[in-house]
C-alpha atoms as a PDB file:
ATOM      1  CA  MET A   1      56.742-140.955 138.125  1.00  0.00           C
ATOM      2  CA  LEU A   2      58.088-144.317 140.038  1.00  0.00           C
ATOM      3  CA  GLU A   3      61.233-145.911 138.360  1.00  0.00           C
ATOM      4  CA  VAL A   4      62.666-148.616 140.084  1.00  0.00           C
ATOM      5  CA  LYS A   5      65.915-149.996 138.584  1.00  0.00           C
ATOM      6  CA  ASN A   6      67.429-153.322 139.532  1.00  0.00           C
ATOM      7  CA  LEU A   7      67.077-153.410 143.359  1.00  0.00           C
ATOM      8  CA  LYS A   8      68.796-155.902 145.049  1.00  0.00           C
ATOM      9  CA  LYS A   9      68.912-156.620 148.925  1.00  0.00           C
ATOM     10  CA  ARG A  10      71.034-159.174 150.977  1.00  0.00           C
ATOM     11  CA  PHE A  11      70.955-160.188 154.227  1.00  0.00           C
ATOM     12  CA  GLY A  12      74.307-162.032 154.974  1.00  0.00           C
ATOM     13  CA  ASP A  13      74.154-164.614 152.149  1.00  0.00           C
ATOM     14  CA  PHE A  14      70.530-164.376 151.867  1.00  0.00           C
ATOM     15  CA  GLU A  15      69.555-162.832 148.730  1.00  0.00           C
ATOM     16  CA  ALA A  16      65.774-161.389 149.193  1.00  0.00           C
ATOM     17  CA  VAL A  17      65.488-159.267 146.239  1.00  0.00           C
ATOM     18  CA  LYS A  18      67.064-160.519 143.125  1.00  0.00           C
ATOM     19  CA  GLY A  19      67.286-157.355 140.479  1.00  0.00           C
ATOM     20  CA  ILE A  20      63.889-155.708 140.489  1.00  0.00           C
ATOM     21  CA  SER A  21      62.837-153.379 137.687  1.00  0.00           C
ATOM     22  CA  PHE A  22      59.883-151.687 136.922  1.00  0.00           C
ATOM     23  CA  SER A  23      58.275-148.480 136.440  1.00  0.00           C
ATOM     24  CA  VAL A  24      54.669-146.555 137.118  1.00  0.00           C
ATOM     25  CA  SER A  25      53.218-143.662 135.560  1.00  0.00           C
ATOM     26  CA  LYS A  26      50.631-141.253 136.457  1.00  0.00           C
ATOM     27  CA  GLY A  27      47.100-142.732 136.569  1.00  0.00           C
ATOM     28  CA  GLU A  28      48.287-146.609 137.124  1.00  0.00           C
ATOM     29  CA  VAL A  29      47.427-148.516 139.730  1.00  0.00           C
ATOM     30  CA  LEU A  30      50.066-151.120 140.181  1.00  0.00           C
ATOM     31  CA  GLY A  31      49.128-154.718 142.242  1.00  0.00           C
ATOM     32  CA  PHE A  32      52.426-155.818 143.482  1.00  0.00           C
ATOM     33  CA  LEU A  33      51.625-159.481 144.282  1.00  0.00           C
ATOM     34  CA  GLY A  34      53.426-162.145 145.972  1.00  0.00           C
ATOM     35  CA  PRO A  35      52.872-164.961 148.944  1.00  0.00           C
ATOM     36  CA  ASN A  36      54.556-164.269 151.700  1.00  0.00           C
ATOM     37  CA  GLY A  37      58.314-164.363 151.731  1.00  0.00           C
ATOM     38  CA  ALA A  38      58.488-163.085 148.030  1.00  0.00           C
ATOM     39  CA  GLY A  39      60.101-160.056 148.861  1.00  0.00           C
ATOM     40  CA  LYS A  40      57.098-157.199 148.326  1.00  0.00           C
ATOM     41  CA  SER A  41      57.624-155.452 151.996  1.00  0.00           C
ATOM     42  CA  THR A  42      61.655-155.373 151.359  1.00  0.00           C
ATOM     43  CA  THR A  43      61.386-153.813 147.752  1.00  0.00           C
ATOM     44  CA  MET A  44      58.471-151.254 149.186  1.00  0.00           C
ATOM     45  CA  ARG A  45      60.753-150.485 152.091  1.00  0.00           C
ATOM     46  CA  MET A  46      63.958-149.838 149.564  1.00  0.00           C
ATOM     47  CA  ILE A  47      61.970-148.031 147.308  1.00  0.00           C
ATOM     48  CA  THR A  48      60.139-145.349 150.112  1.00  0.00           C
ATOM     49  CA  GLY A  49      64.011-145.094 151.456  1.00  0.00           C
ATOM     50  CA  PHE A  50      63.055-146.968 154.728  1.00  0.00           C
ATOM     51  CA  LEU A  51      65.752-149.697 153.888  1.00  0.00           C
ATOM     52  CA  PRO A  52      69.037-149.236 151.963  1.00  0.00           C
ATOM     53  CA  PRO A  53      69.399-151.308 148.834  1.00  0.00           C
ATOM     54  CA  SER A  54      72.434-153.360 148.827  1.00  0.00           C
ATOM     55  CA  GLU A  55      72.308-152.661 144.736  1.00  0.00           C
ATOM     56  CA  GLY A  56      70.341-150.578 142.372  1.00  0.00           C
ATOM     57  CA  THR A  57      68.171-147.725 143.272  1.00  0.00           C
ATOM     58  CA  ALA A  58      64.251-145.891 142.641  1.00  0.00           C
ATOM     59  CA  LEU A  59      63.745-142.665 141.208  1.00  0.00           C
ATOM     60  CA  ILE A  60      60.414-140.788 142.532  1.00  0.00           C
ATOM     61  CA  CYS A  61      59.629-138.099 140.405  1.00  0.00           C
ATOM     62  CA  GLY A  62      63.094-137.955 139.211  1.00  0.00           C
ATOM     63  CA  HIS A  63      64.730-137.946 142.236  1.00  0.00           C
ATOM     64  CA  ASP A  64      67.027-140.717 143.338  1.00  0.00           C
ATOM     65  CA  ILE A  65      65.756-142.231 146.467  1.00  0.00           C
ATOM     66  CA  THR A  66      69.550-142.929 147.835  1.00  0.00           C
ATOM     67  CA  ALA A  67      71.311-139.741 146.386  1.00  0.00           C
ATOM     68  CA  ASP A  68      68.898-137.444 147.067  1.00  0.00           C
ATOM     69  CA  PRO A  69      66.111-138.794 149.640  1.00  0.00           C
ATOM     70  CA  VAL A  70      64.744-135.402 150.974  1.00  0.00           C
ATOM     71  CA  GLU A  71      63.270-134.493 147.520  1.00  0.00           C
ATOM     72  CA  ALA A  72      62.525-137.711 146.293  1.00  0.00           C
ATOM     73  CA  LYS A  73      60.575-138.308 149.650  1.00  0.00           C
ATOM     74  CA  LYS A  74      58.645-134.857 149.216  1.00  0.00           C
ATOM     75  CA  CYS A  75      56.694-136.494 146.377  1.00  0.00           C
ATOM     76  CA  LEU A  76      56.342-139.856 148.027  1.00  0.00           C
ATOM     77  CA  GLY A  77      53.455-140.948 150.064  1.00  0.00           C
ATOM     78  CA  TYR A  78      53.539-144.160 152.209  1.00  0.00           C
ATOM     79  CA  LEU A  79      51.123-146.739 153.991  1.00  0.00           C
ATOM     80  CA  PRO A  80      53.262-149.069 155.692  1.00  0.00           C
ATOM     81  CA  GLU A  81      51.875-152.505 156.957  1.00  0.00           C
ATOM     82  CA  SER A  82      49.983-152.656 160.114  1.00  0.00           C
ATOM     83  CA  ALA A  83      49.354-148.835 160.087  1.00  0.00           C
ATOM     84  CA  PRO A  84      51.746-147.573 162.729  1.00  0.00           C
ATOM     85  CA  SER A  85      50.915-144.373 164.448  1.00  0.00           C
ATOM     86  CA  TYR A  86      50.959-142.656 167.804  1.00  0.00           C
ATOM     87  CA  ARG A  87      48.071-144.258 168.865  1.00  0.00           C
ATOM     88  CA  ALA A  88      47.632-141.986 172.389  1.00  0.00           C
ATOM     89  CA  MET A  89      46.993-138.913 169.795  1.00  0.00           C
ATOM     90  CA  VAL A  90      43.658-137.750 168.668  1.00  0.00           C
ATOM     91  CA  VAL A  91      43.345-138.264 165.141  1.00  0.00           C
ATOM     92  CA  GLU A  92      43.059-134.583 164.190  1.00  0.00           C
ATOM     93  CA  GLU A  93      45.997-133.717 166.247  1.00  0.00           C
ATOM     94  CA  TYR A  94      48.427-136.471 164.783  1.00  0.00           C
ATOM     95  CA  LEU A  95      47.559-135.549 161.430  1.00  0.00           C
ATOM     96  CA  ALA A  96      48.578-131.952 162.248  1.00  0.00           C
ATOM     97  CA  PHE A  97      51.813-133.013 163.657  1.00  0.00           C
ATOM     98  CA  ILE A  98      52.592-135.165 160.498  1.00  0.00           C
ATOM     99  CA  ALA A  99      51.334-131.704 158.487  1.00  0.00           C
ATOM    100  CA  GLU A 100      53.948-129.934 160.406  1.00  0.00           C
ATOM    101  CA  ILE A 101      56.485-132.254 159.860  1.00  0.00           C
ATOM    102  CA  ARG A 102      56.123-131.727 155.757  1.00  0.00           C
ATOM    103  CA  GLY A 103      56.629-128.420 156.078  1.00  0.00           C
ATOM    104  CA  PHE A 104      52.804-126.895 156.766  1.00  0.00           C
ATOM    105  CA  ARG A 105      52.282-124.046 158.720  1.00  0.00           C
ATOM    106  CA  GLY A 106      49.150-121.856 159.652  1.00  0.00           C
ATOM    107  CA  ALA A 107      46.218-122.070 157.667  1.00  0.00           C
ATOM    108  CA  LYS A 108      47.958-124.305 154.918  1.00  0.00           C
ATOM    109  CA  ARG A 109      48.594-126.919 157.668  1.00  0.00           C
ATOM    110  CA  ARG A 110      44.599-126.817 158.738  1.00  0.00           C
ATOM    111  CA  GLU A 111      43.508-126.807 154.777  1.00  0.00           C
ATOM    112  CA  ALA A 112      46.384-129.823 154.698  1.00  0.00           C
ATOM    113  CA  VAL A 113      44.819-131.541 157.819  1.00  0.00           C
ATOM    114  CA  GLU A 114      40.922-131.099 156.970  1.00  0.00           C
ATOM    115  CA  ARG A 115      41.648-132.267 153.111  1.00  0.00           C
ATOM    116  CA  ALA A 116      43.158-135.457 154.487  1.00  0.00           C
ATOM    117  CA  ILE A 117      40.113-136.028 156.998  1.00  0.00           C
ATOM    118  CA  ALA A 118      37.914-135.507 153.925  1.00  0.00           C
ATOM    119  CA  LYS A 119      39.612-137.689 151.386  1.00  0.00           C
ATOM    120  CA  ALA A 120      39.993-140.268 154.019  1.00  0.00           C
ATOM    121  CA  ARG A 121      36.391-140.264 155.459  1.00  0.00           C
ATOM    122  CA  LEU A 122      37.844-139.831 158.947  1.00  0.00           C
ATOM    123  CA  GLU A 123      34.983-136.869 159.666  1.00  0.00           C
ATOM    124  CA  PRO A 124      33.328-139.176 162.586  1.00  0.00           C
ATOM    125  CA  VAL A 125      36.158-140.013 164.372  1.00  0.00           C
ATOM    126  CA  ALA A 126      38.128-136.593 163.716  1.00  0.00           C
ATOM    127  CA  ARG A 127      38.496-135.752 167.603  1.00  0.00           C
ATOM    128  CA  LYS A 128      38.720-139.440 168.955  1.00  0.00           C
ATOM    129  CA  THR A 129      41.802-140.913 170.256  1.00  0.00           C
ATOM    130  CA  ILE A 130      43.345-143.377 167.760  1.00  0.00           C
ATOM    131  CA  GLU A 131      43.637-146.274 170.212  1.00  0.00           C
ATOM    132  CA  THR A 132      39.815-146.101 170.467  1.00  0.00           C
ATOM    133  CA  LEU A 133      39.388-146.483 166.575  1.00  0.00           C
ATOM    134  CA  SER A 134      38.384-149.738 164.820  1.00  0.00           C
ATOM    135  CA  LYS A 135      41.102-150.891 162.819  1.00  0.00           C
ATOM    136  CA  GLY A 136      39.587-149.859 159.758  1.00  0.00           C
ATOM    137  CA  TYR A 137      39.645-146.506 160.830  1.00  0.00           C
ATOM    138  CA  ARG A 138      43.082-146.908 162.346  1.00  0.00           C
ATOM    139  CA  GLN A 139      44.047-148.052 158.639  1.00  0.00           C
ATOM    140  CA  ARG A 140      42.320-144.947 157.042  1.00  0.00           C
ATOM    141  CA  THR A 141      44.205-142.708 159.416  1.00  0.00           C
ATOM    142  CA  CYS A 142      47.344-143.949 158.600  1.00  0.00           C
ATOM    143  CA  PHE A 143      45.765-143.391 154.764  1.00  0.00           C
ATOM    144  CA  ALA A 144      45.398-139.903 155.887  1.00  0.00           C
ATOM    145  CA  GLN A 145      48.855-139.351 156.489  1.00  0.00           C
ATOM    146  CA  ALA A 146      49.951-140.742 153.786  1.00  0.00           C
ATOM    147  CA  ILE A 147      48.278-138.375 151.113  1.00  0.00           C
ATOM    148  CA  ILE A 148      48.827-135.291 153.492  1.00  0.00           C
ATOM    149  CA  HIS A 149      51.153-133.816 151.390  1.00  0.00           C
ATOM    150  CA  ASP A 150      49.440-134.602 148.275  1.00  0.00           C
ATOM    151  CA  PRO A 151      52.146-136.825 146.734  1.00  0.00           C
ATOM    152  CA  ALA A 152      52.311-137.819 143.402  1.00  0.00           C
ATOM    153  CA  VAL A 153      53.156-141.202 143.934  1.00  0.00           C
ATOM    154  CA  LEU A 154      51.494-143.322 146.561  1.00  0.00           C
ATOM    155  CA  ILE A 155      53.132-146.820 148.041  1.00  0.00           C
ATOM    156  CA  MET A 156      50.869-149.290 149.957  1.00  0.00           C
ATOM    157  CA  ASP A 157      51.900-151.994 151.979  1.00  0.00           C
ATOM    158  CA  GLU A 158      48.909-154.276 152.267  1.00  0.00           C
ATOM    159  CA  PRO A 159      46.243-151.584 152.557  1.00  0.00           C
ATOM    160  CA  THR A 160      43.187-154.257 153.131  1.00  0.00           C
ATOM    161  CA  ASP A 161      44.837-157.000 155.184  1.00  0.00           C
ATOM    162  CA  GLY A 162      42.760-157.930 158.090  1.00  0.00           C
ATOM    163  CA  LEU A 163      39.662-155.347 157.385  1.00  0.00           C
ATOM    164  CA  ASP A 164      36.223-156.359 156.687  1.00  0.00           C
ATOM    165  CA  PRO A 165      34.263-156.366 153.997  1.00  0.00           C
ATOM    166  CA  ASN A 166      32.722-153.015 154.189  1.00  0.00           C
ATOM    167  CA  GLN A 167      36.242-151.573 155.625  1.00  0.00           C
ATOM    168  CA  LYS A 168      37.735-153.323 152.399  1.00  0.00           C
ATOM    169  CA  TYR A 169      35.513-151.497 149.927  1.00  0.00           C
ATOM    170  CA  ALA A 170      35.827-147.864 151.860  1.00  0.00           C
ATOM    171  CA  VAL A 171      40.022-148.039 151.400  1.00  0.00           C
ATOM    172  CA  ARG A 172      39.119-149.232 147.509  1.00  0.00           C
ATOM    173  CA  GLU A 173      37.173-146.475 146.915  1.00  0.00           C
ATOM    174  CA  MET A 174      39.540-143.992 148.300  1.00  0.00           C
ATOM    175  CA  ILE A 175      42.446-145.565 146.179  1.00  0.00           C
ATOM    176  CA  LYS A 176      40.020-145.412 142.720  1.00  0.00           C
ATOM    177  CA  GLU A 177      39.215-141.724 143.374  1.00  0.00           C
ATOM    178  CA  MET A 178      43.014-140.562 143.692  1.00  0.00           C
ATOM    179  CA  SER A 179      44.460-143.148 140.916  1.00  0.00           C
ATOM    180  CA  ALA A 180      43.889-140.579 138.019  1.00  0.00           C
ATOM    181  CA  GLU A 181      46.264-138.100 139.337  1.00  0.00           C
ATOM    182  CA  LYS A 182      49.142-140.299 141.298  1.00  0.00           C
ATOM    183  CA  ALA A 183      51.152-143.511 140.252  1.00  0.00           C
ATOM    184  CA  ILE A 184      50.097-145.751 143.049  1.00  0.00           C
ATOM    185  CA  VAL A 185      51.761-149.287 143.892  1.00  0.00           C
ATOM    186  CA  ILE A 186      49.881-151.712 146.171  1.00  0.00           C
ATOM    187  CA  SER A 187      51.798-154.319 147.862  1.00  0.00           C
ATOM    188  CA  THR A 188      49.518-157.204 148.789  1.00  0.00           C
ATOM    189  CA  HIS A 189      48.952-160.900 148.598  1.00  0.00           C
ATOM    190  CA  ILE A 190      45.137-160.538 148.300  1.00  0.00           C
ATOM    191  CA  LEU A 191      44.546-161.431 144.781  1.00  0.00           C
ATOM    192  CA  GLU A 192      40.881-159.857 144.590  1.00  0.00           C
ATOM    193  CA  GLU A 193      42.753-156.238 145.176  1.00  0.00           C
ATOM    194  CA  VAL A 194      43.790-156.877 141.237  1.00  0.00           C
ATOM    195  CA  ASP A 195      40.420-156.688 139.924  1.00  0.00           C
ATOM    196  CA  ALA A 196      39.044-154.466 142.684  1.00  0.00           C
ATOM    197  CA  VAL A 197      41.369-151.853 141.701  1.00  0.00           C
ATOM    198  CA  CYS A 198      44.368-152.514 139.675  1.00  0.00           C
ATOM    199  CA  THR A 199      45.116-151.689 136.077  1.00  0.00           C
ATOM    200  CA  ARG A 200      48.207-153.807 136.379  1.00  0.00           C
ATOM    201  CA  ALA A 201      50.112-156.238 138.297  1.00  0.00           C
ATOM    202  CA  ILE A 202      53.137-157.951 139.127  1.00  0.00           C
ATOM    203  CA  VAL A 203      53.868-161.255 140.476  1.00  0.00           C
ATOM    204  CA  ILE A 204      56.720-161.577 142.444  1.00  0.00           C
ATOM    205  CA  ALA A 205      58.038-164.948 144.075  1.00  0.00           C
ATOM    206  CA  ASP A 206      61.746-165.919 145.539  1.00  0.00           C
ATOM    207  CA  GLY A 207      62.454-162.109 145.050  1.00  0.00           C
ATOM    208  CA  GLU A 208      61.993-162.279 141.029  1.00  0.00           C
ATOM    209  CA  ILE A 209      59.538-160.839 138.867  1.00  0.00           C
ATOM    210  CA  LYS A 210      57.584-163.662 137.278  1.00  0.00           C
ATOM    211  CA  ALA A 211      55.009-161.627 135.154  1.00  0.00           C
ATOM    212  CA  ASP A 212      53.938-158.026 134.416  1.00  0.00           C
ATOM    213  CA  GLY A 213      50.987-157.102 132.712  1.00  0.00           C
ATOM    214  CA  THR A 214      47.110-155.863 132.751  1.00  0.00           C
ATOM    215  CA  PRO A 215      45.014-158.441 135.050  1.00  0.00           C
ATOM    216  CA  ALA A 216      43.735-159.553 131.561  1.00  0.00           C
ATOM    217  CA  LYS A 217      46.703-160.140 130.142  1.00  0.00           C
ATOM    218  CA  LEU A 218      47.849-162.414 133.243  1.00  0.00           C
ATOM    219  CA  LYS A 219      44.410-164.195 133.706  1.00  0.00           C
ATOM    220  CA  ALA A 220      45.019-165.527 129.993  1.00  0.00           C
ATOM    221  CA  MET A 221      48.462-167.441 130.777  1.00  0.00           C
ATOM    222  CA  ASP A 222      46.072-170.034 131.565  1.00  0.00           C
ATOM    223  CA  PRO A 223      43.082-171.939 130.128  1.00  0.00           C
ATOM    224  CA  SER A 224      41.398-171.387 133.475  1.00  0.00           C
ATOM    225  CA  GLY A 225      41.138-167.702 132.902  1.00  0.00           C
ATOM    226  CA  ARG A 226      41.657-167.792 136.836  1.00  0.00           C
ATOM    227  CA  LEU A 227      44.154-165.187 138.469  1.00  0.00           C
ATOM    228  CA  ASP A 228      44.776-167.365 141.416  1.00  0.00           C
ATOM    229  CA  THR A 229      45.416-170.907 139.024  1.00  0.00           C
ATOM    230  CA  VAL A 230      47.976-168.086 137.270  1.00  0.00           C
ATOM    231  CA  PHE A 231      49.644-167.239 140.945  1.00  0.00           C
ATOM    232  CA  ARG A 232      49.845-170.724 141.919  1.00  0.00           C
ATOM    233  CA  ASN A 233      51.476-171.541 138.723  1.00  0.00           C
ATOM    234  CA  LEU A 234      53.738-168.722 138.698  1.00  0.00           C
ATOM    235  CA  THR A 235      54.887-169.019 142.667  1.00  0.00           C
ATOM    236  CA  CYS A 236      54.639-172.316 143.752  1.00  0.00           C
ATOM    237  CA  LYS A 237      57.798-174.529 142.571  1.00  0.00           C
ATOM    238  CA  ASP A 238      55.835-177.627 142.024  1.00  0.00           C
ATOM    239  CA  GLY A 239      52.963-175.374 140.066  1.00  0.00           C
ATOM    240  CA  GLY A 240      50.682-175.488 142.964  1.00  0.00           C
ATOM    241  CA  LYS A 241      49.505-179.208 142.826  1.00  0.00           C
ATOM    242  CA  GLU A 242      50.783-179.498 146.375  1.00  0.00           C
ATOM    243  CA  ALA A 243      48.078-176.667 147.158  1.00  0.00           C
ATOM    244  CA  THR A 244      45.387-178.539 145.961  1.00  0.00           C
ATOM    245  CA  LYS A 245      46.185-181.867 147.595  1.00  0.00           C
END
């Protein structure tokens, strides 16, 4: 459903992403892990068509995001970092606006909005202005816009960053409920996301993939069996020794 082919991104002389390739199938929840500055968000933006790659491409349900972006984006839902939205709008009105952009009209638009509100558990705030909502509900509102057209591929950039434990639990439960029918990628630096929702994880650092496997396979890379230790070993040039001083 998602195939990433040798994505590279250069900003002047700096190569932020150095040839990233991977695929995600239906039913997989892939954790795309890395420290700040590893190239996670840059990679997500290239996959979703918000940033043109210097080289390479991504196929969304067989559609090339660079050569056929309109068809590719029909199959794609995207929750960007920080959950941007039109905060002066009421939740229902905002989702109706997004649904119309996606091509829904009349009764089908109402059905799409109602379905997204139910899946994102937004019923208590559906008639409230977005700017009055808690961070957790703003995150869910942006989540709802990402799934309003029931996409086959869902890309989420730091979906639980800054949320309290209850809000994190709610977002993770929503991801689990949809995971069987979609290919999902979660870009994050929060290691607990792997155990909470991911069936597989990729670790990147310095714009390159350092490891790719199930959570159990990654943990087995160190005698401690701890993902945080494996993460440090893979992403710190000194093997994480400096971080422990």
